[in-house]
Amino acid sequence: MAKIDAASIAVLCLILVSTWVPTAVGVKKPASAARKEDVPFIKCQVCEKLASQLYRQVQKKQAQISPKKISEYEVIEIAENICNLKKEEADWILKIDVVEQGDKLELVDQDTEGICNSECKTIERACQEIMGYSDTDVAEYIYNSKPQIDSLVDFLCKDLSRACSSMPPPLPKGRTPGEAFMPKPAKDAEMEKILRSMEGMPGAPSMKMYSRDELMNKNFGEEDDDEEDEDEDAHFPSKLGKVLREKESRKGDWKQKLTEGIKTTGEVLKRHADKVSLRLRKWWRGVRSPDSKKNSKTGKSEL
């Protein structure tokens, strides 16, 4: 496979951003801070949807890799990412609208992803509070017990987190309503998925989205660069224009090959990291367990 350098990644990112900017500019992004005061009113509902998503995503992963059986690490990875909006596993959060119904808040499923505003962040926060540091415990329960959805809901929402152990309090009068659900433009959703899939890949250590003003002013993160980088970047716009003109006629094929190359490299590195991480997790569970002292006396180690 041809070597993929940082300059190639930068060119690809800017090509993608250039096709994305016109759509995104027309959408004013609302405030995205979580409303912590709303968490108690939706926590049980979020937990039930979270348990359902855990079950469905594990089943989906198993179907994708069949006849091979899903590994414990793959289940742990789903549990770790399912409450993190930067990860694909948390996309289910983007399809929920928080609606005020009398003295209650109801989570209403939508057919499409919405622009992530304060309601989206509030659901994410509730999800993270439910999972806490129990993602490994939940994953271990799913992997070993292979429960149905109802059993998983009881384990996560009643036994482990107690998110549904009591009825939510009535909604206070005079509460400021949340934002209306705004469907996300399909082009924006596609762009976010592409950039997210490339995040952390070799050759793209600090890739991020830039605003329209930064793009127009050619201010590509200058505040983080040292003097040497600034000297090199002084000629970057003109060089970039030349490269783009040369590649324009076969841009589609070039982007596809580059993306596939990055994905292949990332998958190889990820498999090695997965093996090391799983062994560390098993060792850590052994250290925390009551039997760890006995194992230490016999000279056995789980690592």
C-alpha atoms as a PDB file:
ATOM      1  CA  MET A   1       0.000   0.000   0.000  1.00  0.00           C
ATOM      2  CA  ALA A   2       1.339   3.460  -0.888  1.00  0.00           C
ATOM      3  CA  LYS A   3       2.543   5.624   1.956  1.00  0.00           C
ATOM      4  CA  ILE A   4      -0.019   8.230   3.040  1.00  0.00           C
ATOM      5  CA  ASP A   5       1.504  11.417   4.445  1.00  0.00           C
ATOM      6  CA  ALA A   6       0.020  14.291   6.422  1.00  0.00           C
ATOM      7  CA  ALA A   7      -0.037  16.599   3.389  1.00  0.00           C
ATOM      8  CA  SER A   8      -2.268  14.184   1.484  1.00  0.00           C
ATOM      9  CA  ILE A   9      -4.612  13.980   4.443  1.00  0.00           C
ATOM     10  CA  ALA A  10      -4.766  17.774   4.646  1.00  0.00           C
ATOM     11  CA  VAL A  11      -5.628  18.052   0.967  1.00  0.00           C
ATOM     12  CA  LEU A  12      -8.423  15.504   1.312  1.00  0.00           C
ATOM     13  CA  CYS A  13      -9.857  17.227   4.382  1.00  0.00           C
ATOM     14  CA  LEU A  14      -9.923  20.588   2.659  1.00  0.00           C
ATOM     15  CA  ILE A  15     -11.600  19.110  -0.430  1.00  0.00           C
ATOM     16  CA  LEU A  16     -14.287  17.608   1.781  1.00  0.00           C
ATOM     17  CA  VAL A  17     -14.726  20.791   3.795  1.00  0.00           C
ATOM     18  CA  SER A  18     -15.000  22.861   0.606  1.00  0.00           C
ATOM     19  CA  THR A  19     -18.032  20.790  -0.414  1.00  0.00           C
ATOM     20  CA  TRP A  20     -19.542  21.018   3.063  1.00  0.00           C
ATOM     21  CA  VAL A  21     -19.203  24.717   3.936  1.00  0.00           C
ATOM     22  CA  PRO A  22     -22.098  26.145   1.840  1.00  0.00           C
ATOM     23  CA  THR A  23     -24.654  23.881   3.528  1.00  0.00           C
ATOM     24  CA  ALA A  24     -23.373  24.376   7.049  1.00  0.00           C
ATOM     25  CA  VAL A  25     -23.054  28.134   6.766  1.00  0.00           C
ATOM     26  CA  GLY A  26     -26.793  28.531   6.302  1.00  0.00           C
ATOM     27  CA  VAL A  27     -27.568  26.726   9.572  1.00  0.00           C
ATOM     28  CA  LYS A  28     -27.164  28.634  12.792  1.00  0.00           C
ATOM     29  CA  LYS A  29     -26.022  26.202  15.459  1.00  0.00           C
ATOM     30  CA  PRO A  30     -27.885  26.603  18.764  1.00  0.00           C
ATOM     31  CA  ALA A  31     -26.291  26.485  22.199  1.00  0.00           C
ATOM     32  CA  SER A  32     -25.054  22.971  22.964  1.00  0.00           C
ATOM     33  CA  ALA A  33     -24.447  22.976  26.723  1.00  0.00           C
ATOM     34  CA  ALA A  34     -26.225  20.189  28.623  1.00  0.00           C
ATOM     35  CA  ARG A  35     -29.089  21.206  30.918  1.00  0.00           C
ATOM     36  CA  LYS A  36     -28.044  19.365  34.063  1.00  0.00           C
ATOM     37  CA  GLU A  37     -31.266  20.267  35.836  1.00  0.00           C
ATOM     38  CA  ASP A  38     -33.246  18.218  33.281  1.00  0.00           C
ATOM     39  CA  VAL A  39     -31.313  14.975  33.841  1.00  0.00           C
ATOM     40  CA  PRO A  40     -33.476  13.655  36.753  1.00  0.00           C
ATOM     41  CA  PHE A  41     -36.629  13.978  34.621  1.00  0.00           C
ATOM     42  CA  ILE A  42     -35.309  11.833  31.750  1.00  0.00           C
ATOM     43  CA  LYS A  43     -32.786   9.525  33.419  1.00  0.00           C
ATOM     44  CA  CYS A  44     -35.016   6.428  33.569  1.00  0.00           C
ATOM     45  CA  GLN A  45     -36.165   6.820  29.956  1.00  0.00           C
ATOM     46  CA  VAL A  46     -32.573   7.308  28.792  1.00  0.00           C
ATOM     47  CA  CYS A  47     -31.536   4.179  30.677  1.00  0.00           C
ATOM     48  CA  GLU A  48     -34.231   2.078  29.013  1.00  0.00           C
ATOM     49  CA  LYS A  49     -33.219   3.324  25.557  1.00  0.00           C
ATOM     50  CA  LEU A  50     -29.550   2.812  26.442  1.00  0.00           C
ATOM     51  CA  ALA A  51     -30.166  -0.824  27.417  1.00  0.00           C
ATOM     52  CA  SER A  52     -32.110  -1.370  24.194  1.00  0.00           C
ATOM     53  CA  GLN A  53     -29.285   0.141  22.142  1.00  0.00           C
ATOM     54  CA  LEU A  54     -26.663  -2.003  23.877  1.00  0.00           C
ATOM     55  CA  TYR A  55     -28.646  -5.114  23.035  1.00  0.00           C
ATOM     56  CA  ARG A  56     -29.285  -4.100  19.413  1.00  0.00           C
ATOM     57  CA  GLN A  57     -25.723  -2.991  18.701  1.00  0.00           C
ATOM     58  CA  VAL A  58     -24.222  -6.184  20.122  1.00  0.00           C
ATOM     59  CA  GLN A  59     -26.647  -8.224  18.001  1.00  0.00           C
ATOM     60  CA  LYS A  60     -25.799  -6.140  14.938  1.00  0.00           C
ATOM     61  CA  LYS A  61     -22.069  -6.582  15.487  1.00  0.00           C
ATOM     62  CA  GLN A  62     -22.529 -10.330  15.885  1.00  0.00           C
ATOM     63  CA  ALA A  63     -24.458 -10.483  12.598  1.00  0.00           C
ATOM     64  CA  GLN A  64     -21.725  -8.530  10.813  1.00  0.00           C
ATOM     65  CA  ILE A  65     -18.920 -10.883  11.835  1.00  0.00           C
ATOM     66  CA  SER A  66     -20.889 -14.162  11.729  1.00  0.00           C
ATOM     67  CA  PRO A  67     -19.987 -17.053  11.841  1.00  0.00           C
ATOM     68  CA  LYS A  68     -17.199 -15.700  14.033  1.00  0.00           C
ATOM     69  CA  LYS A  69     -18.379 -15.018  17.589  1.00  0.00           C
ATOM     70  CA  ILE A  70     -18.239 -11.508  19.013  1.00  0.00           C
ATOM     71  CA  SER A  71     -15.355 -11.022  21.442  1.00  0.00           C
ATOM     72  CA  GLU A  72     -15.573  -9.620  24.932  1.00  0.00           C
ATOM     73  CA  TYR A  73     -13.470  -6.642  23.896  1.00  0.00           C
ATOM     74  CA  GLU A  74     -15.874  -5.785  21.065  1.00  0.00           C
ATOM     75  CA  VAL A  75     -18.742  -5.723  23.573  1.00  0.00           C
ATOM     76  CA  ILE A  76     -16.665  -3.542  25.929  1.00  0.00           C
ATOM     77  CA  GLU A  77     -15.918  -1.144  23.066  1.00  0.00           C
ATOM     78  CA  ILE A  78     -19.644  -0.725  22.340  1.00  0.00           C
ATOM     79  CA  ALA A  79     -20.365  -0.088  26.040  1.00  0.00           C
ATOM     80  CA  GLU A  80     -17.556   2.477  26.241  1.00  0.00           C
ATOM     81  CA  ASN A  81     -18.639   4.451  23.175  1.00  0.00           C
ATOM     82  CA  ILE A  82     -22.426   4.290  23.379  1.00  0.00           C
ATOM     83  CA  CYS A  83     -22.700   7.471  25.502  1.00  0.00           C
ATOM     84  CA  ASN A  84     -20.035   9.471  23.632  1.00  0.00           C
ATOM     85  CA  LEU A  85     -21.442  11.661  20.847  1.00  0.00           C
ATOM     86  CA  LYS A  86     -18.044  11.682  19.148  1.00  0.00           C
ATOM     87  CA  LYS A  87     -18.476   7.967  18.460  1.00  0.00           C
ATOM     88  CA  GLU A  88     -20.724   6.213  15.964  1.00  0.00           C
ATOM     89  CA  GLU A  89     -22.237   4.036  18.685  1.00  0.00           C
ATOM     90  CA  ALA A  90     -23.909   7.136  20.181  1.00  0.00           C
ATOM     91  CA  ASP A  91     -25.704   8.227  16.981  1.00  0.00           C
ATOM     92  CA  TRP A  92     -28.976   6.970  18.509  1.00  0.00           C
ATOM     93  CA  ILE A  93     -28.933  10.043  20.770  1.00  0.00           C
ATOM     94  CA  LEU A  94     -29.198  12.323  17.729  1.00  0.00           C
ATOM     95  CA  LYS A  95     -32.586  10.801  16.835  1.00  0.00           C
ATOM     96  CA  ILE A  96     -34.340  11.738  20.094  1.00  0.00           C
ATOM     97  CA  ASP A  97     -36.370  14.857  20.825  1.00  0.00           C
ATOM     98  CA  VAL A  98     -37.123  15.934  24.408  1.00  0.00           C
ATOM     99  CA  VAL A  99     -40.762  17.025  24.564  1.00  0.00           C
ATOM    100  CA  GLU A 100     -42.567  18.634  27.500  1.00  0.00           C
ATOM    101  CA  GLN A 101     -45.808  16.794  28.303  1.00  0.00           C
ATOM    102  CA  GLY A 102     -47.629  18.423  31.232  1.00  0.00           C
ATOM    103  CA  ASP A 103     -45.394  18.016  34.273  1.00  0.00           C
ATOM    104  CA  LYS A 104     -43.136  15.438  32.551  1.00  0.00           C
ATOM    105  CA  LEU A 105     -40.451  15.279  29.908  1.00  0.00           C
ATOM    106  CA  GLU A 106     -40.885  12.620  27.236  1.00  0.00           C
ATOM    107  CA  LEU A 107     -38.212  11.252  24.892  1.00  0.00           C
ATOM    108  CA  VAL A 108     -39.695  11.010  21.403  1.00  0.00           C
ATOM    109  CA  ASP A 109     -37.908   9.017  18.700  1.00  0.00           C
ATOM    110  CA  GLN A 110     -37.408  10.722  15.332  1.00  0.00           C
ATOM    111  CA  ASP A 111     -36.895   9.222  11.876  1.00  0.00           C
ATOM    112  CA  THR A 112     -33.732  11.187  11.188  1.00  0.00           C
ATOM    113  CA  GLU A 113     -30.748  12.645  13.005  1.00  0.00           C
ATOM    114  CA  GLY A 114     -31.118  16.161  14.367  1.00  0.00           C
ATOM    115  CA  ILE A 115     -28.648  18.985  14.917  1.00  0.00           C
ATOM    116  CA  CYS A 116     -27.101  18.409  18.323  1.00  0.00           C
ATOM    117  CA  ASN A 117     -28.207  21.158  20.689  1.00  0.00           C
ATOM    118  CA  SER A 118     -28.642  21.353  24.471  1.00  0.00           C
ATOM    119  CA  GLU A 119     -31.236  18.551  24.520  1.00  0.00           C
ATOM    120  CA  CYS A 120     -28.858  16.228  22.708  1.00  0.00           C
ATOM    121  CA  LYS A 121     -26.087  17.061  25.194  1.00  0.00           C
ATOM    122  CA  THR A 122     -28.475  16.561  28.113  1.00  0.00           C
ATOM    123  CA  ILE A 123     -29.313  13.041  26.930  1.00  0.00           C
ATOM    124  CA  GLU A 124     -25.598  12.337  26.532  1.00  0.00           C
ATOM    125  CA  ARG A 125     -24.939  13.530  30.087  1.00  0.00           C
ATOM    126  CA  ALA A 126     -27.756  11.389  31.507  1.00  0.00           C
ATOM    127  CA  CYS A 127     -26.384   8.399  29.600  1.00  0.00           C
ATOM    128  CA  GLN A 128     -22.880   8.977  30.991  1.00  0.00           C
ATOM    129  CA  GLU A 129     -24.205   9.284  34.543  1.00  0.00           C
ATOM    130  CA  ILE A 130     -26.007   5.968  34.150  1.00  0.00           C
ATOM    131  CA  MET A 131     -22.983   4.130  32.813  1.00  0.00           C
ATOM    132  CA  GLY A 132     -20.487   5.830  35.111  1.00  0.00           C
ATOM    133  CA  TYR A 133     -17.555   3.475  35.576  1.00  0.00           C
ATOM    134  CA  SER A 134     -19.740   0.415  34.999  1.00  0.00           C
ATOM    135  CA  ASP A 135     -19.241   0.007  31.251  1.00  0.00           C
ATOM    136  CA  THR A 136     -16.967  -2.990  31.770  1.00  0.00           C
ATOM    137  CA  ASP A 137     -19.425  -4.592  34.229  1.00  0.00           C
ATOM    138  CA  VAL A 138     -22.306  -4.133  31.783  1.00  0.00           C
ATOM    139  CA  ALA A 139     -20.254  -5.527  28.921  1.00  0.00           C
ATOM    140  CA  GLU A 140     -19.210  -8.533  30.996  1.00  0.00           C
ATOM    141  CA  TYR A 141     -22.848  -9.222  31.914  1.00  0.00           C
ATOM    142  CA  ILE A 142     -23.923  -9.033  28.249  1.00  0.00           C
ATOM    143  CA  TYR A 143     -21.033 -11.218  27.079  1.00  0.00           C
ATOM    144  CA  ASN A 144     -21.440 -13.924  29.719  1.00  0.00           C
ATOM    145  CA  SER A 145     -25.214 -13.960  30.296  1.00  0.00           C
ATOM    146  CA  LYS A 146     -26.439 -13.044  26.797  1.00  0.00           C
ATOM    147  CA  PRO A 147     -29.613 -11.485  28.270  1.00  0.00           C
ATOM    148  CA  GLN A 148     -32.769 -10.421  26.465  1.00  0.00           C
ATOM    149  CA  ILE A 149     -33.682  -6.718  26.421  1.00  0.00           C
ATOM    150  CA  ASP A 150     -36.000  -6.929  29.467  1.00  0.00           C
ATOM    151  CA  SER A 151     -33.339  -8.608  31.600  1.00  0.00           C
ATOM    152  CA  LEU A 152     -30.718  -6.095  30.479  1.00  0.00           C
ATOM    153  CA  VAL A 153     -33.037  -3.180  31.364  1.00  0.00           C
ATOM    154  CA  ASP A 154     -33.580  -4.602  34.862  1.00  0.00           C
ATOM    155  CA  PHE A 155     -29.860  -5.174  35.403  1.00  0.00           C
ATOM    156  CA  LEU A 156     -28.739  -1.749  34.150  1.00  0.00           C
ATOM    157  CA  CYS A 157     -31.613   0.492  35.249  1.00  0.00           C
ATOM    158  CA  LYS A 158     -32.660  -1.126  38.539  1.00  0.00           C
ATOM    159  CA  ASP A 159     -29.777  -3.182  39.917  1.00  0.00           C
ATOM    160  CA  LEU A 160     -26.672  -1.387  38.688  1.00  0.00           C
ATOM    161  CA  SER A 161     -27.504   2.303  38.220  1.00  0.00           C
ATOM    162  CA  ARG A 162     -30.899   2.460  39.974  1.00  0.00           C
ATOM    163  CA  ALA A 163     -31.946   5.028  37.355  1.00  0.00           C
ATOM    164  CA  CYS A 164     -35.489   3.578  37.385  1.00  0.00           C
ATOM    165  CA  SER A 165     -35.710   2.731  41.080  1.00  0.00           C
ATOM    166  CA  SER A 166     -38.146   5.628  41.681  1.00  0.00           C
ATOM    167  CA  MET A 167     -40.540   7.829  39.717  1.00  0.00           C
ATOM    168  CA  PRO A 168     -39.070  11.053  38.299  1.00  0.00           C
ATOM    169  CA  PRO A 169     -40.068  14.250  40.116  1.00  0.00           C
ATOM    170  CA  PRO A 170     -42.739  16.527  38.591  1.00  0.00           C
ATOM    171  CA  LEU A 171     -41.471  19.153  36.208  1.00  0.00           C
ATOM    172  CA  PRO A 172     -41.171  22.577  37.862  1.00  0.00           C
ATOM    173  CA  LYS A 173     -43.512  25.300  36.660  1.00  0.00           C
ATOM    174  CA  GLY A 174     -41.951  28.016  34.560  1.00  0.00           C
ATOM    175  CA  ARG A 175     -39.292  25.718  33.084  1.00  0.00           C
ATOM    176  CA  THR A 176     -37.727  27.230  29.968  1.00  0.00           C
ATOM    177  CA  PRO A 177     -38.627  24.960  27.031  1.00  0.00           C
ATOM    178  CA  GLY A 178     -35.850  23.335  25.058  1.00  0.00           C
ATOM    179  CA  GLU A 179     -35.081  23.937  21.403  1.00  0.00           C
ATOM    180  CA  ALA A 180     -37.277  22.508  18.668  1.00  0.00           C
ATOM    181  CA  PHE A 181     -35.944  19.402  16.945  1.00  0.00           C
ATOM    182  CA  MET A 182     -34.014  20.452  13.817  1.00  0.00           C
ATOM    183  CA  PRO A 183     -33.276  17.687  11.259  1.00  0.00           C
ATOM    184  CA  LYS A 184     -29.648  17.631  10.226  1.00  0.00           C
ATOM    185  CA  PRO A 185     -28.974  18.181   6.490  1.00  0.00           C
ATOM    186  CA  ALA A 186     -27.962  14.890   4.864  1.00  0.00           C
ATOM    187  CA  LYS A 187     -24.786  16.463   3.495  1.00  0.00           C
ATOM    188  CA  ASP A 188     -23.671  17.560   6.960  1.00  0.00           C
ATOM    189  CA  ALA A 189     -24.375  14.120   8.437  1.00  0.00           C
ATOM    190  CA  GLU A 190     -22.310  12.453   5.703  1.00  0.00           C
ATOM    191  CA  MET A 191     -19.430  14.882   6.207  1.00  0.00           C
ATOM    192  CA  GLU A 192     -19.361  14.315   9.962  1.00  0.00           C
ATOM    193  CA  LYS A 193     -19.263  10.544   9.508  1.00  0.00           C
ATOM    194  CA  ILE A 194     -16.359  10.773   7.042  1.00  0.00           C
ATOM    195  CA  LEU A 195     -14.283  13.035   9.279  1.00  0.00           C
ATOM    196  CA  ARG A 196     -15.115  10.976  12.373  1.00  0.00           C
ATOM    197  CA  SER A 197     -14.022   7.760  10.646  1.00  0.00           C
ATOM    198  CA  MET A 198     -10.670   9.387   9.842  1.00  0.00           C
ATOM    199  CA  GLU A 199     -10.134  10.824  13.322  1.00  0.00           C
ATOM    200  CA  GLY A 200      -7.042   9.406  14.979  1.00  0.00           C
ATOM    201  CA  MET A 201      -5.828   7.687  11.820  1.00  0.00           C
ATOM    202  CA  PRO A 202      -2.068   7.703  11.066  1.00  0.00           C
ATOM    203  CA  GLY A 203      -1.098  10.906   9.272  1.00  0.00           C
ATOM    204  CA  ALA A 204      -4.039  12.876  10.657  1.00  0.00           C
ATOM    205  CA  PRO A 205      -3.234  13.410  14.351  1.00  0.00           C
ATOM    206  CA  SER A 206      -4.950  16.784  14.790  1.00  0.00           C
ATOM    207  CA  MET A 207      -7.669  16.808  12.154  1.00  0.00           C
ATOM    208  CA  LYS A 208     -10.658  19.005  13.035  1.00  0.00           C
ATOM    209  CA  MET A 209     -13.477  21.013  11.451  1.00  0.00           C
ATOM    210  CA  TYR A 210     -12.895  24.704  10.730  1.00  0.00           C
ATOM    211  CA  SER A 211     -15.435  27.485  10.645  1.00  0.00           C
ATOM    212  CA  ARG A 212     -16.264  29.466   7.498  1.00  0.00           C
ATOM    213  CA  ASP A 213     -14.330  32.496   8.783  1.00  0.00           C
ATOM    214  CA  GLU A 214     -11.233  30.406   9.396  1.00  0.00           C
ATOM    215  CA  LEU A 215     -11.461  28.931   5.925  1.00  0.00           C
ATOM    216  CA  MET A 216     -11.922  32.349   4.273  1.00  0.00           C
ATOM    217  CA  ASN A 217      -9.027  33.835   6.238  1.00  0.00           C
ATOM    218  CA  LYS A 218      -6.818  30.755   5.668  1.00  0.00           C
ATOM    219  CA  ASN A 219      -6.385  30.583   9.450  1.00  0.00           C
ATOM    220  CA  PHE A 220      -5.923  26.817   9.739  1.00  0.00           C
ATOM    221  CA  GLY A 221      -5.086  26.503  13.452  1.00  0.00           C
ATOM    222  CA  GLU A 222      -2.177  28.957  13.355  1.00  0.00           C
ATOM    223  CA  GLU A 223      -2.378  29.526  17.093  1.00  0.00           C
ATOM    224  CA  ASP A 224      -1.143  25.978  17.736  1.00  0.00           C
ATOM    225  CA  ASP A 225       1.769  25.971  15.256  1.00  0.00           C
ATOM    226  CA  ASP A 226       5.364  26.835  16.023  1.00  0.00           C
ATOM    227  CA  GLU A 227       7.394  29.322  13.992  1.00  0.00           C
ATOM    228  CA  GLU A 228       8.843  26.652  11.752  1.00  0.00           C
ATOM    229  CA  ASP A 229       5.401  25.370  10.801  1.00  0.00           C
ATOM    230  CA  GLU A 230       4.222  28.920  10.099  1.00  0.00           C
ATOM    231  CA  ASP A 231       7.034  29.416   7.588  1.00  0.00           C
ATOM    232  CA  GLU A 232       6.090  26.245   5.776  1.00  0.00           C
ATOM    233  CA  ASP A 233       2.372  27.080   5.824  1.00  0.00           C
ATOM    234  CA  ALA A 234       2.970  30.507   4.255  1.00  0.00           C
ATOM    235  CA  HIS A 235       3.126  28.852   0.815  1.00  0.00           C
ATOM    236  CA  PHE A 236       0.532  26.189   1.540  1.00  0.00           C
ATOM    237  CA  PRO A 237      -2.559  27.895  -0.032  1.00  0.00           C
ATOM    238  CA  SER A 238      -0.879  28.367  -3.416  1.00  0.00           C
ATOM    239  CA  LYS A 239       0.520  24.837  -3.396  1.00  0.00           C
ATOM    240  CA  LEU A 240      -2.839  23.478  -2.378  1.00  0.00           C
ATOM    241  CA  GLY A 241      -4.567  25.260  -5.257  1.00  0.00           C
ATOM    242  CA  LYS A 242      -2.150  23.701  -7.726  1.00  0.00           C
ATOM    243  CA  VAL A 243      -2.641  20.226  -6.298  1.00  0.00           C
ATOM    244  CA  LEU A 244      -6.434  20.586  -6.339  1.00  0.00           C
ATOM    245  CA  ARG A 245      -6.443  21.706  -9.980  1.00  0.00           C
ATOM    246  CA  GLU A 246      -4.272  18.759 -10.990  1.00  0.00           C
ATOM    247  CA  LYS A 247      -6.437  16.281  -9.098  1.00  0.00           C
ATOM    248  CA  GLU A 248      -9.865  17.768  -9.917  1.00  0.00           C
ATOM    249  CA  SER A 249     -10.565  15.518 -12.920  1.00  0.00           C
ATOM    250  CA  ARG A 250     -10.053  12.344 -10.878  1.00  0.00           C
ATOM    251  CA  LYS A 251     -10.909  13.670  -7.412  1.00  0.00           C
ATOM    252  CA  GLY A 252     -13.621  11.092  -6.712  1.00  0.00           C
ATOM    253  CA  ASP A 253     -11.373   8.080  -7.378  1.00  0.00           C
ATOM    254  CA  TRP A 254      -8.471   9.678  -5.496  1.00  0.00           C
ATOM    255  CA  LYS A 255     -10.561  10.367  -2.402  1.00  0.00           C
ATOM    256  CA  GLN A 256     -11.926   6.836  -2.373  1.00  0.00           C
ATOM    257  CA  LYS A 257      -8.483   5.196  -2.627  1.00  0.00           C
ATOM    258  CA  LEU A 258      -7.022   7.472   0.050  1.00  0.00           C
ATOM    259  CA  THR A 259      -9.915   6.863   2.439  1.00  0.00           C
ATOM    260  CA  GLU A 260      -9.686   3.095   1.942  1.00  0.00           C
ATOM    261  CA  GLY A 261      -5.940   3.170   2.556  1.00  0.00           C
ATOM    262  CA  ILE A 262      -6.339   5.113   5.782  1.00  0.00           C
ATOM    263  CA  LYS A 263      -9.104   2.803   6.962  1.00  0.00           C
ATOM    264  CA  THR A 264      -7.005  -0.323   6.300  1.00  0.00           C
ATOM    265  CA  THR A 265      -4.022   1.077   8.190  1.00  0.00           C
ATOM    266  CA  GLY A 266      -6.218   2.114  11.096  1.00  0.00           C
ATOM    267  CA  GLU A 267      -7.852  -1.311  11.320  1.00  0.00           C
ATOM    268  CA  VAL A 268      -4.478  -3.071  11.537  1.00  0.00           C
ATOM    269  CA  LEU A 269      -3.281  -0.790  14.335  1.00  0.00           C
ATOM    270  CA  LYS A 270      -6.630  -1.046  16.114  1.00  0.00           C
ATOM    271  CA  ARG A 271      -6.511  -4.856  16.194  1.00  0.00           C
ATOM    272  CA  HIS A 272      -3.124  -4.747  17.935  1.00  0.00           C
ATOM    273  CA  ALA A 273      -4.366  -2.154  20.431  1.00  0.00           C
ATOM    274  CA  ASP A 274      -7.513  -4.201  21.100  1.00  0.00           C
ATOM    275  CA  LYS A 275      -5.513  -7.253  22.119  1.00  0.00           C
ATOM    276  CA  VAL A 276      -3.339  -5.292  24.544  1.00  0.00           C
ATOM    277  CA  SER A 277      -6.312  -3.395  26.008  1.00  0.00           C
ATOM    278  CA  LEU A 278      -8.354  -6.564  26.606  1.00  0.00           C
ATOM    279  CA  ARG A 279      -5.491  -8.230  28.449  1.00  0.00           C
ATOM    280  CA  LEU A 280      -5.043  -5.139  30.629  1.00  0.00           C
ATOM    281  CA  ARG A 281      -8.760  -5.067  31.453  1.00  0.00           C
ATOM    282  CA  LYS A 282      -8.790  -8.708  32.469  1.00  0.00           C
ATOM    283  CA  TRP A 283      -5.727  -8.115  34.649  1.00  0.00           C
ATOM    284  CA  TRP A 284      -7.353  -5.078  36.279  1.00  0.00           C
ATOM    285  CA  ARG A 285     -10.550  -6.996  37.077  1.00  0.00           C
ATOM    286  CA  GLY A 286      -8.393  -9.667  38.663  1.00  0.00           C
ATOM    287  CA  VAL A 287      -6.603  -7.066  40.806  1.00  0.00           C
ATOM    288  CA  ARG A 288      -9.945  -5.684  42.053  1.00  0.00           C
ATOM    289  CA  SER A 289     -11.496  -9.081  42.784  1.00  0.00           C
ATOM    290  CA  PRO A 290     -11.316 -10.704  46.264  1.00  0.00           C
ATOM    291  CA  ASP A 291      -9.483 -13.683  44.783  1.00  0.00           C
ATOM    292  CA  SER A 292      -6.581 -11.540  43.631  1.00  0.00           C
ATOM    293  CA  LYS A 293      -4.806 -11.910  46.953  1.00  0.00           C
ATOM    294  CA  LYS A 294      -5.032 -15.686  46.727  1.00  0.00           C
ATOM    295  CA  ASN A 295      -3.634 -15.603  43.219  1.00  0.00           C
ATOM    296  CA  SER A 296      -0.733 -13.446  44.332  1.00  0.00           C
ATOM    297  CA  LYS A 297       0.212 -15.996  47.016  1.00  0.00           C
ATOM    298  CA  THR A 298       0.376 -18.826  44.474  1.00  0.00           C
ATOM    299  CA  GLY A 299       2.456 -16.682  42.171  1.00  0.00           C
ATOM    300  CA  LYS A 300      -0.128 -16.654  39.395  1.00  0.00           C
ATOM    301  CA  SER A 301      -0.734 -13.583  37.271  1.00  0.00           C
ATOM    302  CA  GLU A 302      -3.628 -12.829  34.942  1.00  0.00           C
ATOM    303  CA  LEU A 303      -1.653 -10.444  32.784  1.00  0.00           C
END
